[in-house]
Amino acid sequence: MSAPLQRVCFQLQVRPDRLDEYRDRHRAVWPDMLAALRDTGWHNYSLFLRADGLLIGYFETPSLDAAREGMARTEVNARWQAEMAPFFVELEGTPDQGFVRLEEVFHLE
């Protein structure tokens, strides 16, 4: 029997002057980036964007550490993170490493 998936919710802040471009980029995520995410354990992944730039992300994974490490080994992720980093406010490192993870306080199955 496999271990339960971790539910990961995170927060970032998109620059208000780049919201439209941020949305456009996510309407056309590169196919090789999508494949890399799937292959490294990022499942049921969603991003939610508020009008002021607050970004909430959610995904499920067998292991957050393994998912991050797997993506860090891919060339496509390095390109994507470099292109996306300028969209964010107060980012330390890359978006996939610098997000603020939120504590889960309730879950209804």
C-alpha atoms as a PDB file:
ATOM      1  CA  MET A   1       0.000   0.000   0.000  1.00  0.00           C
ATOM      2  CA  SER A   2       1.365   3.425  -0.943  1.00  0.00           C
ATOM      3  CA  ALA A   3       1.741   6.288   1.488  1.00  0.00           C
ATOM      4  CA  PRO A   4      -1.003   8.928   1.463  1.00  0.00           C
ATOM      5  CA  LEU A   5      -0.416  11.973  -0.690  1.00  0.00           C
ATOM      6  CA  GLN A   6       0.676  15.150   1.011  1.00  0.00           C
ATOM      7  CA  ARG A   7      -1.630  18.084   0.310  1.00  0.00           C
ATOM      8  CA  VAL A   8       0.504  21.193  -0.178  1.00  0.00           C
ATOM      9  CA  CYS A   9      -0.926  24.707  -0.214  1.00  0.00           C
ATOM     10  CA  PHE A  10       1.329  27.701  -0.718  1.00  0.00           C
ATOM     11  CA  GLN A  11       1.324  31.457  -1.149  1.00  0.00           C
ATOM     12  CA  LEU A  12       3.276  33.867  -3.329  1.00  0.00           C
ATOM     13  CA  GLN A  13       2.682  37.496  -4.330  1.00  0.00           C
ATOM     14  CA  VAL A  14       2.567  38.381  -8.033  1.00  0.00           C
ATOM     15  CA  ARG A  15       3.509  41.926  -8.982  1.00  0.00           C
ATOM     16  CA  PRO A  16       0.246  43.799  -9.639  1.00  0.00           C
ATOM     17  CA  ASP A  17       1.600  45.316 -12.864  1.00  0.00           C
ATOM     18  CA  ARG A  18       2.340  41.814 -14.264  1.00  0.00           C
ATOM     19  CA  LEU A  19      -0.958  40.036 -13.513  1.00  0.00           C
ATOM     20  CA  ASP A  20      -2.182  39.864 -17.109  1.00  0.00           C
ATOM     21  CA  GLU A  21       1.127  38.509 -18.368  1.00  0.00           C
ATOM     22  CA  TYR A  22       1.229  35.995 -15.490  1.00  0.00           C
ATOM     23  CA  ARG A  23      -2.218  34.729 -16.476  1.00  0.00           C
ATOM     24  CA  ASP A  24      -1.171  34.512 -20.132  1.00  0.00           C
ATOM     25  CA  ARG A  25       1.914  32.461 -19.258  1.00  0.00           C
ATOM     26  CA  HIS A  26      -0.225  29.942 -17.402  1.00  0.00           C
ATOM     27  CA  ARG A  27      -2.661  29.581 -20.281  1.00  0.00           C
ATOM     28  CA  ALA A  28       0.266  28.214 -22.291  1.00  0.00           C
ATOM     29  CA  VAL A  29       2.547  26.306 -19.917  1.00  0.00           C
ATOM     30  CA  TRP A  30       5.181  24.516 -21.966  1.00  0.00           C
ATOM     31  CA  PRO A  31       4.310  20.854 -22.651  1.00  0.00           C
ATOM     32  CA  ASP A  32       7.737  19.719 -21.402  1.00  0.00           C
ATOM     33  CA  MET A  33       7.170  21.633 -18.153  1.00  0.00           C
ATOM     34  CA  LEU A  34       3.783  19.950 -17.663  1.00  0.00           C
ATOM     35  CA  ALA A  35       5.368  16.549 -18.307  1.00  0.00           C
ATOM     36  CA  ALA A  36       8.191  17.259 -15.845  1.00  0.00           C
ATOM     37  CA  LEU A  37       5.719  18.240 -13.131  1.00  0.00           C
ATOM     38  CA  ARG A  38       3.727  15.046 -13.638  1.00  0.00           C
ATOM     39  CA  ASP A  39       6.853  12.885 -13.802  1.00  0.00           C
ATOM     40  CA  THR A  40       8.286  14.292 -10.562  1.00  0.00           C
ATOM     41  CA  GLY A  41       5.152  13.915  -8.431  1.00  0.00           C
ATOM     42  CA  TRP A  42       3.186  17.181  -8.711  1.00  0.00           C
ATOM     43  CA  HIS A  43      -0.457  16.059  -8.994  1.00  0.00           C
ATOM     44  CA  ASN A  44      -3.852  17.795  -8.886  1.00  0.00           C
ATOM     45  CA  TYR A  45      -1.975  21.115  -9.174  1.00  0.00           C
ATOM     46  CA  SER A  46      -3.964  24.373  -9.215  1.00  0.00           C
ATOM     47  CA  LEU A  47      -3.099  28.056  -8.955  1.00  0.00           C
ATOM     48  CA  PHE A  48      -5.574  30.701  -7.767  1.00  0.00           C
ATOM     49  CA  LEU A  49      -4.917  34.412  -8.300  1.00  0.00           C
ATOM     50  CA  ARG A  50      -6.596  37.282  -6.465  1.00  0.00           C
ATOM     51  CA  ALA A  51      -6.978  40.704  -8.136  1.00  0.00           C
ATOM     52  CA  ASP A  52      -4.247  42.209  -5.898  1.00  0.00           C
ATOM     53  CA  GLY A  53      -1.729  39.533  -6.922  1.00  0.00           C
ATOM     54  CA  LEU A  54      -2.089  37.122  -4.015  1.00  0.00           C
ATOM     55  CA  LEU A  55      -1.365  33.697  -5.509  1.00  0.00           C
ATOM     56  CA  ILE A  56      -2.451  30.511  -3.777  1.00  0.00           C
ATOM     57  CA  GLY A  57      -1.215  27.193  -5.109  1.00  0.00           C
ATOM     58  CA  TYR A  58      -2.329  23.690  -4.249  1.00  0.00           C
ATOM     59  CA  PHE A  59      -0.999  20.298  -5.264  1.00  0.00           C
ATOM     60  CA  GLU A  60      -0.777  16.761  -4.004  1.00  0.00           C
ATOM     61  CA  THR A  61       2.415  14.739  -3.942  1.00  0.00           C
ATOM     62  CA  PRO A  62       3.846  11.580  -2.381  1.00  0.00           C
ATOM     63  CA  SER A  63       6.737  13.718  -1.064  1.00  0.00           C
ATOM     64  CA  LEU A  64       7.230  17.485  -1.248  1.00  0.00           C
ATOM     65  CA  ASP A  65      10.990  17.078  -0.858  1.00  0.00           C
ATOM     66  CA  ALA A  66      11.185  14.484  -3.644  1.00  0.00           C
ATOM     67  CA  ALA A  67       8.923  16.577  -5.910  1.00  0.00           C
ATOM     68  CA  ARG A  68      11.093  19.658  -5.443  1.00  0.00           C
ATOM     69  CA  GLU A  69      14.329  17.699  -5.850  1.00  0.00           C
ATOM     70  CA  GLY A  70      13.018  15.996  -8.989  1.00  0.00           C
ATOM     71  CA  MET A  71      12.111  19.303 -10.600  1.00  0.00           C
ATOM     72  CA  ALA A  72      15.438  20.844  -9.571  1.00  0.00           C
ATOM     73  CA  ARG A  73      17.171  18.199 -11.696  1.00  0.00           C
ATOM     74  CA  THR A  74      15.282  19.153 -14.870  1.00  0.00           C
ATOM     75  CA  GLU A  75      16.512  21.651 -17.428  1.00  0.00           C
ATOM     76  CA  VAL A  76      12.985  22.814 -18.258  1.00  0.00           C
ATOM     77  CA  ASN A  77      12.338  23.779 -14.649  1.00  0.00           C
ATOM     78  CA  ALA A  78      15.495  25.898 -14.534  1.00  0.00           C
ATOM     79  CA  ARG A  79      14.278  27.794 -17.629  1.00  0.00           C
ATOM     80  CA  TRP A  80      10.710  28.169 -16.309  1.00  0.00           C
ATOM     81  CA  GLN A  81      11.786  29.351 -12.852  1.00  0.00           C
ATOM     82  CA  ALA A  82      14.206  31.897 -14.358  1.00  0.00           C
ATOM     83  CA  GLU A  83      11.448  33.303 -16.566  1.00  0.00           C
ATOM     84  CA  MET A  84       8.830  33.364 -13.791  1.00  0.00           C
ATOM     85  CA  ALA A  85      10.911  34.779 -10.898  1.00  0.00           C
ATOM     86  CA  PRO A  86      10.547  38.433 -12.029  1.00  0.00           C
ATOM     87  CA  PHE A  87       6.753  38.153 -11.676  1.00  0.00           C
ATOM     88  CA  PHE A  88       6.969  37.871  -7.877  1.00  0.00           C
ATOM     89  CA  VAL A  89       7.378  40.313  -4.996  1.00  0.00           C
ATOM     90  CA  GLU A  90       9.809  39.563  -2.141  1.00  0.00           C
ATOM     91  CA  LEU A  91      10.874  36.227  -3.548  1.00  0.00           C
ATOM     92  CA  GLU A  92      13.847  34.471  -1.993  1.00  0.00           C
ATOM     93  CA  GLY A  93      15.239  32.025  -4.528  1.00  0.00           C
ATOM     94  CA  THR A  94      13.069  30.492  -7.230  1.00  0.00           C
ATOM     95  CA  PRO A  95       9.257  30.448  -7.074  1.00  0.00           C
ATOM     96  CA  ASP A  96       9.140  26.669  -6.545  1.00  0.00           C
ATOM     97  CA  GLN A  97      11.582  26.918  -3.640  1.00  0.00           C
ATOM     98  CA  GLY A  98      10.599  30.325  -2.220  1.00  0.00           C
ATOM     99  CA  PHE A  99       6.884  29.898  -1.706  1.00  0.00           C
ATOM    100  CA  VAL A 100       5.352  30.173   1.768  1.00  0.00           C
ATOM    101  CA  ARG A 101       3.724  26.889   2.686  1.00  0.00           C
ATOM    102  CA  LEU A 102       0.402  27.232   4.475  1.00  0.00           C
ATOM    103  CA  GLU A 103      -0.642  25.051   7.393  1.00  0.00           C
ATOM    104  CA  GLU A 104      -3.601  22.772   6.780  1.00  0.00           C
ATOM    105  CA  VAL A 105      -6.033  23.200   9.657  1.00  0.00           C
ATOM    106  CA  PHE A 106      -9.052  21.339   8.263  1.00  0.00           C
ATOM    107  CA  HIS A 107      -9.817  18.773   5.575  1.00  0.00           C
ATOM    108  CA  LEU A 108     -13.123  17.177   4.657  1.00  0.00           C
ATOM    109  CA  GLU A 109     -12.640  13.954   2.700  1.00  0.00           C
END
